Every structure is written in C-alpha cells, then in structure tokens.
Amino acid sequence: MTILAIAGSPAERSRSTALLNFAVQRLDLAGFPIQRLGLRDLPAEDLVTGNYMGAAAKQLREVVDSADAVLVASPIYKASFSGGLKTVLDLLDERALAGKLVLPIATGGSTAHLLALEYGFKPVLSALGARHILAGVYATDKQVRLIDDGVDIDDDVRHRLETSVDLIADHLSRTLHRPRLQTYDVGRIALDGRLSL
C-alpha cells in the first residue's frame, strides 16, 4: 500500500507543492508510505514528445498502479492546471486512477480560478478512471505564503487540507485494518525542493 504525491508545478518552490508537502507530512507522521513525483523527475523530452513507450513513462505507470491513493497538486494558470502536469497525466493508461482515492490540490492568484478545480482538473482525473475524487483543496496565493525555507498556511486552508487528508487516512486504515490517524500539529513545514521517485 502506498500513497503517491504528484507535484505539478514547474517551479522548485511553489505554493501548490507546499500544500502537497503539508499533506504528505501529515500522512507520513501517521505511518503511511509515500512516494513523491515531480515534473523534474521525468525527462523533459519524454514529456514534450509524449513518449508513452519510454522507460520513464513505464516506471511512472508502475508507480501509479501500485498506489492506493493519489494526491495531485498544481498551480492554476489561465483557468487550468499546469501544462506540465497534463503531459505527465497523458503518459498514464486510460484507467490508471480506477479504484484509487484521489485528492486534487490547487493554488491560484485569486478566487476567480476556484472553478478550474471542478471544470478543468477533475474531468481529466475522471477520464483516467478516478471515481473516488475528494472535494479538493483550492487556495489563493494570499492564503499560502512562502517564507524563507517554509510556508505559512491560513487556518481555513489548513483545516480543509487536514480534513481531506484525514479522510484518506481513515479510508486506507479501514481498507487495510490499520490504526486510525491521530491528530498531529505539523505547524510550519520545510519546503521540499526536488521530489523524487
């Protein structure tokens, strides 16, 4: 049993990746094994050319296949999630997310991009077979502040993220007969630069 965290931001430091890291840290503290993947972990040429038959794409599909839950984070650009993330998702099989619990996480410049989560992000996840998509967590740039080597997350966003992560943990605990998630206060978290498989 694993949880896969996919960071869809092309930037090494980003708000969406900071929220993803917060969620991952909470799940890690609860003892769930996590695998991380970022855009920089896949060859750029394979992403640009859509090299479905390449070794990196094959490894990506194996990692996704072995996951019981998938957290996917992206900034919202021009009312949609990142193009880099789309190229990663295009390398997956048609039903790659079937039977998996999926949590979309997104950040954007203002609340005007909130609906991109519902009308841009979730339909692509559904097209990949996801039927168990959580409500998702959206935050504006003002709600997630990058500071020095950490992040400051507004209480409302933190609460919504914790609630979603707890749902994942509870679901996996019931499925795998593991102890329920305890409440942890991770406070400020350090930003993880490059994610790796």
N, C-alpha and C. Protein backbone atom coordinates (compact mmCIF):
# COMPACT_ATOMS: atom_id res chain seq x y z
N MET A 1 0.84 -1.18 0.00
CA MET A 1 0.00 0.00 0.00
C MET A 1 0.88 1.23 0.00
N THR A 2 0.63 2.12 -0.93
CA THR A 2 1.37 3.37 -0.97
C THR A 2 0.44 4.52 -1.31
N ILE A 3 0.91 5.71 -1.00
CA ILE A 3 0.24 6.94 -1.41
C ILE A 3 1.21 7.65 -2.33
N LEU A 4 0.73 8.07 -3.46
CA LEU A 4 1.55 8.80 -4.43
C LEU A 4 1.20 10.27 -4.39
N ALA A 5 2.21 11.11 -4.27
CA ALA A 5 2.03 12.57 -4.27
C ALA A 5 2.69 13.12 -5.53
N ILE A 6 1.90 13.73 -6.40
CA ILE A 6 2.40 14.27 -7.67
C ILE A 6 2.37 15.80 -7.61
N ALA A 7 3.55 16.40 -7.73
CA ALA A 7 3.66 17.87 -7.75
C ALA A 7 3.69 18.33 -9.20
N GLY A 8 2.67 19.09 -9.59
CA GLY A 8 2.54 19.51 -10.98
C GLY A 8 3.05 20.90 -11.29
N SER A 9 3.76 21.50 -10.34
CA SER A 9 4.32 22.83 -10.59
C SER A 9 5.70 22.70 -11.23
N PRO A 10 5.99 23.52 -12.25
CA PRO A 10 7.33 23.50 -12.84
C PRO A 10 8.37 24.19 -11.96
N ALA A 11 7.93 24.95 -10.96
CA ALA A 11 8.85 25.68 -10.09
C ALA A 11 9.35 24.77 -8.96
N GLU A 12 10.59 24.98 -8.55
CA GLU A 12 11.12 24.20 -7.43
C GLU A 12 10.42 24.58 -6.13
N ARG A 13 10.11 25.85 -5.95
CA ARG A 13 9.35 26.31 -4.79
C ARG A 13 8.02 26.85 -5.29
N SER A 14 6.95 26.26 -4.83
CA SER A 14 5.64 26.75 -5.26
C SER A 14 4.63 26.55 -4.14
N ARG A 15 3.56 27.31 -4.21
CA ARG A 15 2.51 27.21 -3.21
C ARG A 15 1.79 25.87 -3.29
N SER A 16 1.52 25.41 -4.49
CA SER A 16 0.81 24.13 -4.62
C SER A 16 1.66 22.98 -4.07
N THR A 17 2.96 23.02 -4.32
CA THR A 17 3.84 21.98 -3.79
C THR A 17 3.94 22.10 -2.27
N ALA A 18 3.90 23.30 -1.75
CA ALA A 18 3.92 23.49 -0.29
C ALA A 18 2.69 22.84 0.35
N LEU A 19 1.52 23.01 -0.26
CA LEU A 19 0.31 22.36 0.27
C LEU A 19 0.42 20.85 0.16
N LEU A 20 0.96 20.37 -0.94
CA LEU A 20 1.16 18.94 -1.12
C LEU A 20 2.09 18.40 -0.04
N ASN A 21 3.18 19.12 0.22
CA ASN A 21 4.14 18.70 1.24
C ASN A 21 3.49 18.65 2.63
N PHE A 22 2.62 19.61 2.90
CA PHE A 22 1.90 19.62 4.18
C PHE A 22 1.07 18.35 4.32
N ALA A 23 0.34 18.00 3.26
CA ALA A 23 -0.49 16.80 3.27
C ALA A 23 0.36 15.55 3.42
N VAL A 24 1.46 15.50 2.69
CA VAL A 24 2.35 14.35 2.74
C VAL A 24 2.95 14.19 4.13
N GLN A 25 3.35 15.29 4.74
CA GLN A 25 3.95 15.21 6.07
C GLN A 25 2.94 14.67 7.07
N ARG A 26 1.70 15.09 6.96
CA ARG A 26 0.66 14.60 7.88
C ARG A 26 0.45 13.09 7.70
N LEU A 27 0.41 12.63 6.48
CA LEU A 27 0.24 11.20 6.21
C LEU A 27 1.48 10.40 6.62
N ASP A 28 2.64 11.00 6.42
CA ASP A 28 3.89 10.33 6.81
C ASP A 28 3.96 10.16 8.33
N LEU A 29 3.55 11.18 9.07
CA LEU A 29 3.54 11.09 10.53
C LEU A 29 2.60 9.99 11.02
N ALA A 30 1.57 9.71 10.23
CA ALA A 30 0.62 8.67 10.59
C ALA A 30 1.10 7.28 10.17
N GLY A 31 2.27 7.23 9.53
CA GLY A 31 2.86 5.94 9.19
C GLY A 31 2.53 5.40 7.81
N PHE A 32 1.95 6.20 6.95
CA PHE A 32 1.64 5.73 5.61
C PHE A 32 2.85 5.91 4.69
N PRO A 33 3.20 4.88 3.93
CA PRO A 33 4.31 5.02 2.99
C PRO A 33 3.93 5.94 1.83
N ILE A 34 4.82 6.87 1.52
CA ILE A 34 4.56 7.88 0.49
C ILE A 34 5.62 7.78 -0.60
N GLN A 35 5.18 7.89 -1.84
CA GLN A 35 6.11 8.09 -2.95
C GLN A 35 5.82 9.46 -3.53
N ARG A 36 6.87 10.18 -3.89
CA ARG A 36 6.73 11.53 -4.42
C ARG A 36 7.22 11.58 -5.86
N LEU A 37 6.57 12.43 -6.61
CA LEU A 37 6.93 12.60 -8.02
C LEU A 37 6.71 14.05 -8.41
N GLY A 38 7.70 14.64 -9.07
CA GLY A 38 7.58 16.00 -9.57
C GLY A 38 7.87 16.05 -11.06
N LEU A 39 7.53 17.13 -11.69
CA LEU A 39 7.76 17.27 -13.13
C LEU A 39 9.23 17.07 -13.49
N ARG A 40 10.12 17.51 -12.61
CA ARG A 40 11.55 17.43 -12.89
C ARG A 40 12.09 16.01 -12.79
N ASP A 41 11.28 15.08 -12.31
CA ASP A 41 11.72 13.69 -12.18
C ASP A 41 11.56 12.90 -13.47
N LEU A 42 10.88 13.47 -14.43
CA LEU A 42 10.68 12.82 -15.73
C LEU A 42 11.46 13.59 -16.79
N PRO A 43 12.04 12.88 -17.75
CA PRO A 43 12.80 13.57 -18.81
C PRO A 43 11.91 14.56 -19.57
N ALA A 44 12.38 15.79 -19.69
CA ALA A 44 11.59 16.83 -20.37
C ALA A 44 11.24 16.42 -21.79
N GLU A 45 12.17 15.79 -22.48
CA GLU A 45 11.90 15.39 -23.86
C GLU A 45 10.76 14.37 -23.93
N ASP A 46 10.72 13.45 -22.97
CA ASP A 46 9.63 12.47 -22.94
C ASP A 46 8.28 13.15 -22.70
N LEU A 47 8.28 14.18 -21.85
CA LEU A 47 7.04 14.90 -21.59
C LEU A 47 6.58 15.67 -22.82
N VAL A 48 7.51 16.36 -23.46
CA VAL A 48 7.17 17.20 -24.62
C VAL A 48 6.70 16.34 -25.80
N THR A 49 7.37 15.20 -26.00
CA THR A 49 7.03 14.35 -27.15
C THR A 49 5.96 13.31 -26.81
N GLY A 50 5.56 13.24 -25.54
CA GLY A 50 4.57 12.25 -25.16
C GLY A 50 5.07 10.83 -25.37
N ASN A 51 6.29 10.57 -24.95
CA ASN A 51 6.94 9.27 -25.18
C ASN A 51 6.33 8.19 -24.27
N TYR A 52 5.17 7.71 -24.67
CA TYR A 52 4.43 6.71 -23.90
C TYR A 52 5.21 5.41 -23.76
N MET A 53 6.03 5.07 -24.73
CA MET A 53 6.76 3.80 -24.72
C MET A 53 8.11 3.89 -24.01
N GLY A 54 8.49 5.07 -23.55
CA GLY A 54 9.79 5.24 -22.90
C GLY A 54 9.86 4.59 -21.54
N ALA A 55 11.10 4.40 -21.06
CA ALA A 55 11.33 3.77 -19.77
C ALA A 55 10.74 4.60 -18.63
N ALA A 56 10.85 5.93 -18.72
CA ALA A 56 10.32 6.80 -17.66
C ALA A 56 8.81 6.70 -17.57
N ALA A 57 8.13 6.65 -18.72
CA ALA A 57 6.68 6.53 -18.73
C ALA A 57 6.24 5.18 -18.17
N LYS A 58 6.99 4.14 -18.49
CA LYS A 58 6.67 2.81 -17.97
C LYS A 58 6.81 2.80 -16.45
N GLN A 59 7.89 3.39 -15.94
CA GLN A 59 8.09 3.45 -14.49
C GLN A 59 7.00 4.28 -13.82
N LEU A 60 6.62 5.38 -14.46
CA LEU A 60 5.53 6.22 -13.95
C LEU A 60 4.26 5.40 -13.81
N ARG A 61 3.90 4.65 -14.83
CA ARG A 61 2.68 3.85 -14.79
C ARG A 61 2.74 2.78 -13.69
N GLU A 62 3.92 2.21 -13.47
CA GLU A 62 4.07 1.21 -12.41
C GLU A 62 3.87 1.84 -11.03
N VAL A 63 4.43 3.04 -10.85
CA VAL A 63 4.29 3.73 -9.57
C VAL A 63 2.82 4.08 -9.31
N VAL A 64 2.14 4.61 -10.33
CA VAL A 64 0.72 4.95 -10.19
C VAL A 64 -0.10 3.69 -9.92
N ASP A 65 0.21 2.63 -10.64
CA ASP A 65 -0.53 1.38 -10.47
C ASP A 65 -0.43 0.83 -9.05
N SER A 66 0.71 1.02 -8.41
CA SER A 66 0.91 0.46 -7.06
C SER A 66 0.30 1.33 -5.96
N ALA A 67 -0.14 2.52 -6.30
CA ALA A 67 -0.69 3.44 -5.29
C ALA A 67 -2.15 3.14 -4.98
N ASP A 68 -2.51 3.30 -3.71
CA ASP A 68 -3.90 3.16 -3.30
C ASP A 68 -4.60 4.51 -3.27
N ALA A 69 -3.82 5.57 -3.08
CA ALA A 69 -4.35 6.94 -3.07
C ALA A 69 -3.36 7.83 -3.81
N VAL A 70 -3.88 8.84 -4.49
CA VAL A 70 -3.04 9.75 -5.25
C VAL A 70 -3.43 11.18 -4.90
N LEU A 71 -2.42 11.95 -4.50
CA LEU A 71 -2.60 13.38 -4.26
C LEU A 71 -1.95 14.10 -5.43
N VAL A 72 -2.69 14.98 -6.08
CA VAL A 72 -2.18 15.69 -7.26
C VAL A 72 -2.31 17.19 -7.02
N ALA A 73 -1.17 17.90 -7.08
CA ALA A 73 -1.18 19.34 -6.81
C ALA A 73 -0.70 20.11 -8.03
N SER A 74 -1.32 21.26 -8.25
CA SER A 74 -0.91 22.10 -9.38
C SER A 74 -1.29 23.55 -9.15
N PRO A 75 -0.47 24.45 -9.66
CA PRO A 75 -0.93 25.84 -9.74
C PRO A 75 -1.96 25.94 -10.87
N ILE A 76 -2.81 26.94 -10.78
CA ILE A 76 -3.77 27.21 -11.85
C ILE A 76 -3.24 28.35 -12.69
N TYR A 77 -3.04 28.07 -13.96
CA TYR A 77 -2.58 29.07 -14.93
C TYR A 77 -3.69 29.28 -15.95
N LYS A 78 -4.12 30.50 -16.15
CA LYS A 78 -5.12 30.80 -17.17
C LYS A 78 -6.31 29.83 -17.11
N ALA A 79 -6.86 29.68 -15.93
CA ALA A 79 -8.07 28.88 -15.67
C ALA A 79 -7.89 27.38 -15.85
N SER A 80 -6.66 26.88 -15.81
CA SER A 80 -6.44 25.44 -15.91
C SER A 80 -5.19 25.04 -15.13
N PHE A 81 -5.09 23.75 -14.82
CA PHE A 81 -3.90 23.27 -14.14
C PHE A 81 -2.71 23.31 -15.08
N SER A 82 -1.52 23.07 -14.57
CA SER A 82 -0.30 23.28 -15.36
C SER A 82 -0.21 22.33 -16.56
N GLY A 83 0.31 22.85 -17.65
CA GLY A 83 0.52 22.04 -18.85
C GLY A 83 1.51 20.92 -18.60
N GLY A 84 2.50 21.17 -17.73
CA GLY A 84 3.46 20.13 -17.40
C GLY A 84 2.79 18.93 -16.74
N LEU A 85 1.86 19.21 -15.85
CA LEU A 85 1.13 18.11 -15.20
C LEU A 85 0.30 17.36 -16.23
N LYS A 86 -0.30 18.08 -17.16
CA LYS A 86 -1.10 17.41 -18.21
C LYS A 86 -0.24 16.45 -19.01
N THR A 87 1.00 16.84 -19.32
CA THR A 87 1.88 15.93 -20.08
C THR A 87 2.20 14.68 -19.27
N VAL A 88 2.32 14.82 -17.95
CA VAL A 88 2.55 13.65 -17.09
C VAL A 88 1.32 12.74 -17.14
N LEU A 89 0.15 13.32 -16.96
CA LEU A 89 -1.09 12.53 -16.94
C LEU A 89 -1.34 11.87 -18.29
N ASP A 90 -0.88 12.49 -19.38
CA ASP A 90 -1.05 11.91 -20.71
C ASP A 90 -0.23 10.64 -20.90
N LEU A 91 0.77 10.42 -20.05
CA LEU A 91 1.60 9.21 -20.15
C LEU A 91 0.98 8.03 -19.41
N LEU A 92 -0.15 8.26 -18.73
CA LEU A 92 -0.79 7.19 -17.97
C LEU A 92 -1.77 6.42 -18.86
N ASP A 93 -2.08 5.20 -18.40
CA ASP A 93 -3.08 4.40 -19.09
C ASP A 93 -4.46 5.00 -18.87
N GLU A 94 -5.39 4.62 -19.73
CA GLU A 94 -6.73 5.20 -19.71
C GLU A 94 -7.44 5.03 -18.37
N ARG A 95 -7.24 3.93 -17.67
CA ARG A 95 -7.92 3.67 -16.40
C ARG A 95 -6.93 3.68 -15.24
N ALA A 96 -5.88 4.46 -15.33
CA ALA A 96 -4.79 4.45 -14.35
C ALA A 96 -5.24 4.80 -12.94
N LEU A 97 -6.28 5.61 -12.79
CA LEU A 97 -6.73 6.03 -11.46
C LEU A 97 -7.96 5.28 -10.96
N ALA A 98 -8.37 4.27 -11.70
CA ALA A 98 -9.55 3.48 -11.29
C ALA A 98 -9.28 2.80 -9.95
N GLY A 99 -10.26 2.90 -9.05
CA GLY A 99 -10.14 2.25 -7.75
C GLY A 99 -9.26 2.98 -6.75
N LYS A 100 -8.76 4.14 -7.11
CA LYS A 100 -7.89 4.90 -6.21
C LYS A 100 -8.63 6.10 -5.64
N LEU A 101 -8.30 6.45 -4.43
CA LEU A 101 -8.82 7.67 -3.83
C LEU A 101 -7.92 8.81 -4.29
N VAL A 102 -8.51 9.88 -4.83
CA VAL A 102 -7.72 10.96 -5.43
C VAL A 102 -8.08 12.29 -4.77
N LEU A 103 -7.03 13.03 -4.40
CA LEU A 103 -7.22 14.37 -3.83
C LEU A 103 -6.53 15.40 -4.71
N PRO A 104 -7.30 16.24 -5.41
CA PRO A 104 -6.70 17.34 -6.17
C PRO A 104 -6.46 18.54 -5.25
N ILE A 105 -5.31 19.17 -5.42
CA ILE A 105 -4.92 20.35 -4.66
C ILE A 105 -4.49 21.41 -5.67
N ALA A 106 -4.98 22.63 -5.51
CA ALA A 106 -4.62 23.67 -6.48
C ALA A 106 -4.47 25.02 -5.80
N THR A 107 -3.65 25.85 -6.39
CA THR A 107 -3.47 27.23 -5.94
C THR A 107 -3.59 28.16 -7.13
N GLY A 108 -4.07 29.37 -6.86
CA GLY A 108 -4.20 30.35 -7.93
C GLY A 108 -4.13 31.76 -7.39
N GLY A 109 -4.02 32.70 -8.28
CA GLY A 109 -3.86 34.09 -7.90
C GLY A 109 -5.05 34.69 -7.16
N SER A 110 -6.25 34.17 -7.44
CA SER A 110 -7.44 34.71 -6.79
C SER A 110 -8.53 33.65 -6.77
N THR A 111 -9.63 33.98 -6.11
CA THR A 111 -10.76 33.04 -6.05
C THR A 111 -11.42 32.87 -7.42
N ALA A 112 -11.10 33.74 -8.37
CA ALA A 112 -11.68 33.62 -9.71
C ALA A 112 -11.31 32.31 -10.38
N HIS A 113 -10.23 31.68 -9.93
CA HIS A 113 -9.78 30.42 -10.55
C HIS A 113 -10.28 29.18 -9.81
N LEU A 114 -11.08 29.37 -8.78
CA LEU A 114 -11.57 28.26 -7.97
C LEU A 114 -12.25 27.19 -8.82
N LEU A 115 -13.07 27.60 -9.78
CA LEU A 115 -13.82 26.63 -10.57
C LEU A 115 -12.95 25.80 -11.51
N ALA A 116 -11.69 26.21 -11.69
CA ALA A 116 -10.78 25.40 -12.52
C ALA A 116 -10.58 24.02 -11.91
N LEU A 117 -10.71 23.93 -10.60
CA LEU A 117 -10.60 22.65 -9.91
C LEU A 117 -11.73 21.72 -10.37
N GLU A 118 -12.94 22.26 -10.45
CA GLU A 118 -14.10 21.46 -10.82
C GLU A 118 -14.21 21.21 -12.33
N TYR A 119 -13.92 22.24 -13.12
CA TYR A 119 -14.18 22.16 -14.56
C TYR A 119 -12.95 21.87 -15.41
N GLY A 120 -11.78 21.90 -14.81
CA GLY A 120 -10.57 21.60 -15.57
C GLY A 120 -9.84 20.39 -15.03
N PHE A 121 -9.61 20.39 -13.73
CA PHE A 121 -8.81 19.37 -13.07
C PHE A 121 -9.57 18.04 -12.94
N LYS A 122 -10.73 18.09 -12.31
CA LYS A 122 -11.47 16.85 -12.03
C LYS A 122 -11.92 16.08 -13.27
N PRO A 123 -12.32 16.73 -14.36
CA PRO A 123 -12.68 15.96 -15.55
C PRO A 123 -11.52 15.13 -16.11
N VAL A 124 -10.31 15.66 -16.04
CA VAL A 124 -9.15 14.90 -16.52
C VAL A 124 -8.89 13.70 -15.62
N LEU A 125 -9.01 13.91 -14.30
CA LEU A 125 -8.85 12.80 -13.36
C LEU A 125 -9.92 11.73 -13.60
N SER A 126 -11.14 12.17 -13.86
CA SER A 126 -12.22 11.24 -14.16
C SER A 126 -11.96 10.47 -15.45
N ALA A 127 -11.40 11.15 -16.44
CA ALA A 127 -11.08 10.50 -17.71
C ALA A 127 -10.03 9.40 -17.53
N LEU A 128 -9.26 9.49 -16.45
CA LEU A 128 -8.26 8.47 -16.14
C LEU A 128 -8.84 7.38 -15.23
N GLY A 129 -10.14 7.36 -15.08
CA GLY A 129 -10.81 6.30 -14.35
C GLY A 129 -11.11 6.61 -12.90
N ALA A 130 -10.70 7.77 -12.39
CA ALA A 130 -10.95 8.10 -10.99
C ALA A 130 -12.44 8.27 -10.75
N ARG A 131 -12.97 7.53 -9.79
CA ARG A 131 -14.37 7.65 -9.41
C ARG A 131 -14.51 8.10 -7.96
N HIS A 132 -13.41 8.09 -7.23
CA HIS A 132 -13.40 8.48 -5.82
C HIS A 132 -12.52 9.71 -5.67
N ILE A 133 -13.04 10.84 -6.16
CA ILE A 133 -12.29 12.10 -6.12
C ILE A 133 -12.84 12.93 -4.97
N LEU A 134 -11.97 13.27 -4.03
CA LEU A 134 -12.38 14.12 -2.91
C LEU A 134 -12.67 15.53 -3.41
N ALA A 135 -13.33 16.31 -2.58
CA ALA A 135 -13.76 17.65 -2.97
C ALA A 135 -12.61 18.52 -3.47
N GLY A 136 -11.43 18.28 -3.00
CA GLY A 136 -10.29 19.07 -3.45
C GLY A 136 -10.07 20.27 -2.56
N VAL A 137 -8.86 20.76 -2.59
CA VAL A 137 -8.49 21.93 -1.79
C VAL A 137 -7.92 22.98 -2.73
N TYR A 138 -8.52 24.16 -2.71
CA TYR A 138 -8.05 25.29 -3.50
C TYR A 138 -7.67 26.42 -2.55
N ALA A 139 -6.55 27.07 -2.83
CA ALA A 139 -6.11 28.21 -2.02
C ALA A 139 -5.57 29.30 -2.93
N THR A 140 -5.78 30.53 -2.52
CA THR A 140 -5.22 31.66 -3.27
C THR A 140 -3.78 31.90 -2.80
N ASP A 141 -3.06 32.67 -3.59
CA ASP A 141 -1.68 33.00 -3.25
C ASP A 141 -1.58 33.67 -1.89
N LYS A 142 -2.58 34.47 -1.53
CA LYS A 142 -2.55 35.16 -0.24
C LYS A 142 -2.74 34.21 0.92
N GLN A 143 -3.34 33.05 0.66
CA GLN A 143 -3.60 32.09 1.73
C GLN A 143 -2.43 31.14 1.98
N VAL A 144 -1.48 31.12 1.06
CA VAL A 144 -0.31 30.25 1.18
C VAL A 144 0.92 31.11 0.91
N ARG A 145 1.63 31.46 1.97
CA ARG A 145 2.77 32.38 1.84
C ARG A 145 4.08 31.63 2.01
N LEU A 146 4.93 31.72 0.99
CA LEU A 146 6.25 31.12 1.08
C LEU A 146 7.15 32.06 1.88
N ILE A 147 7.75 31.55 2.93
CA ILE A 147 8.61 32.37 3.78
C ILE A 147 9.91 31.63 4.05
N ASP A 148 11.01 32.27 3.73
CA ASP A 148 12.34 31.67 3.92
C ASP A 148 12.33 30.23 3.42
N ASP A 149 12.55 29.29 4.32
CA ASP A 149 12.59 27.89 3.91
C ASP A 149 11.32 27.14 4.30
N GLY A 150 10.23 27.87 4.55
CA GLY A 150 8.99 27.24 4.98
C GLY A 150 7.77 27.84 4.31
N VAL A 151 6.63 27.59 4.91
CA VAL A 151 5.38 28.08 4.35
C VAL A 151 4.44 28.43 5.50
N ASP A 152 3.64 29.47 5.29
CA ASP A 152 2.62 29.87 6.26
C ASP A 152 1.27 29.70 5.57
N ILE A 153 0.44 28.81 6.12
CA ILE A 153 -0.84 28.46 5.52
C ILE A 153 -1.96 29.01 6.39
N ASP A 154 -2.90 29.72 5.77
CA ASP A 154 -4.06 30.23 6.52
C ASP A 154 -4.80 29.08 7.20
N ASP A 155 -5.41 29.39 8.34
CA ASP A 155 -6.09 28.37 9.13
C ASP A 155 -7.19 27.67 8.35
N ASP A 156 -7.97 28.42 7.55
CA ASP A 156 -9.06 27.82 6.79
C ASP A 156 -8.53 26.78 5.79
N VAL A 157 -7.48 27.12 5.08
CA VAL A 157 -6.89 26.19 4.10
C VAL A 157 -6.29 24.99 4.83
N ARG A 158 -5.60 25.26 5.92
CA ARG A 158 -5.00 24.18 6.71
C ARG A 158 -6.09 23.20 7.18
N HIS A 159 -7.21 23.74 7.66
CA HIS A 159 -8.30 22.89 8.14
C HIS A 159 -8.87 22.04 7.00
N ARG A 160 -9.12 22.64 5.84
CA ARG A 160 -9.66 21.89 4.71
C ARG A 160 -8.70 20.80 4.25
N LEU A 161 -7.42 21.12 4.25
CA LEU A 161 -6.41 20.14 3.84
C LEU A 161 -6.32 19.00 4.85
N GLU A 162 -6.32 19.34 6.14
CA GLU A 162 -6.29 18.32 7.18
C GLU A 162 -7.51 17.40 7.09
N THR A 163 -8.67 17.98 6.85
CA THR A 163 -9.90 17.19 6.74
C THR A 163 -9.81 16.21 5.58
N SER A 164 -9.33 16.68 4.44
CA SER A 164 -9.19 15.80 3.27
C SER A 164 -8.17 14.70 3.52
N VAL A 165 -7.05 15.05 4.12
CA VAL A 165 -6.01 14.06 4.41
C VAL A 165 -6.53 13.04 5.41
N ASP A 166 -7.28 13.50 6.41
CA ASP A 166 -7.84 12.58 7.39
C ASP A 166 -8.82 11.60 6.74
N LEU A 167 -9.58 12.06 5.75
CA LEU A 167 -10.48 11.17 5.02
C LEU A 167 -9.70 10.08 4.30
N ILE A 168 -8.59 10.46 3.68
CA ILE A 168 -7.73 9.48 3.01
C ILE A 168 -7.20 8.47 4.02
N ALA A 169 -6.67 8.98 5.13
CA ALA A 169 -6.09 8.11 6.15
C ALA A 169 -7.14 7.16 6.74
N ASP A 170 -8.32 7.69 7.02
CA ASP A 170 -9.39 6.85 7.57
C ASP A 170 -9.81 5.76 6.58
N HIS A 171 -9.94 6.15 5.32
CA HIS A 171 -10.32 5.18 4.29
C HIS A 171 -9.26 4.08 4.17
N LEU A 172 -8.00 4.46 4.09
CA LEU A 172 -6.94 3.46 3.96
C LEU A 172 -6.82 2.62 5.22
N SER A 173 -7.04 3.23 6.38
CA SER A 173 -6.98 2.47 7.63
C SER A 173 -8.06 1.41 7.68
N ARG A 174 -9.27 1.77 7.26
CA ARG A 174 -10.36 0.79 7.23
C ARG A 174 -10.07 -0.31 6.22
N THR A 175 -9.59 0.09 5.07
CA THR A 175 -9.31 -0.86 4.00
C THR A 175 -8.21 -1.83 4.40
N LEU A 176 -7.20 -1.31 5.09
CA LEU A 176 -6.03 -2.13 5.43
C LEU A 176 -5.99 -2.54 6.89
N HIS A 177 -7.05 -2.23 7.63
CA HIS A 177 -7.14 -2.57 9.05
C HIS A 177 -5.96 -2.00 9.84
N ARG A 178 -5.68 -0.73 9.60
CA ARG A 178 -4.60 -0.05 10.32
C ARG A 178 -5.23 0.86 11.37
N PRO A 179 -4.45 1.29 12.36
CA PRO A 179 -4.98 2.23 13.35
C PRO A 179 -5.40 3.53 12.68
N ARG A 180 -6.40 4.20 13.26
CA ARG A 180 -6.87 5.47 12.72
C ARG A 180 -5.81 6.55 12.89
N LEU A 181 -5.88 7.57 12.05
CA LEU A 181 -4.95 8.69 12.10
C LEU A 181 -5.12 9.46 13.40
N GLN A 182 -4.02 9.74 14.05
CA GLN A 182 -4.02 10.59 15.22
C GLN A 182 -3.93 12.04 14.77
N THR A 183 -4.29 12.96 15.64
CA THR A 183 -4.20 14.37 15.30
C THR A 183 -2.77 14.83 15.53
N TYR A 184 -2.19 15.42 14.51
CA TYR A 184 -0.83 15.94 14.59
C TYR A 184 -0.84 17.42 14.24
N ASP A 185 -0.02 18.16 14.90
CA ASP A 185 0.15 19.57 14.57
C ASP A 185 1.53 19.71 13.95
N VAL A 186 1.57 19.76 12.62
CA VAL A 186 2.87 19.83 11.97
C VAL A 186 3.39 21.26 11.91
N GLY A 187 2.53 22.24 12.25
CA GLY A 187 2.99 23.64 12.27
C GLY A 187 3.58 24.05 10.94
N ARG A 188 4.66 24.82 11.01
CA ARG A 188 5.35 25.23 9.79
C ARG A 188 6.14 24.05 9.27
N ILE A 189 6.11 23.88 7.97
CA ILE A 189 6.87 22.78 7.39
C ILE A 189 7.93 23.34 6.46
N ALA A 190 9.00 22.61 6.34
CA ALA A 190 10.05 22.99 5.41
C ALA A 190 9.62 22.62 4.01
N LEU A 191 9.97 23.43 3.04
CA LEU A 191 9.65 23.12 1.66
C LEU A 191 10.64 22.09 1.14
N ASP A 192 10.10 21.06 0.49
CA ASP A 192 10.94 20.06 -0.12
C ASP A 192 11.23 20.53 -1.55
N GLY A 193 12.48 20.67 -1.89
CA GLY A 193 12.84 21.14 -3.23
C GLY A 193 12.42 20.16 -4.29
N ARG A 194 13.33 19.34 -4.74
CA ARG A 194 13.06 18.42 -5.82
C ARG A 194 12.46 17.13 -5.26
N LEU A 195 11.37 16.71 -5.83
CA LEU A 195 10.76 15.47 -5.43
C LEU A 195 11.36 14.35 -6.27
N SER A 196 11.39 13.15 -5.71
CA SER A 196 11.97 12.04 -6.46
C SER A 196 11.20 10.77 -6.21
N LEU A 197 11.32 9.83 -7.16
CA LEU A 197 10.67 8.52 -7.01
C LEU A 197 11.38 7.73 -5.96
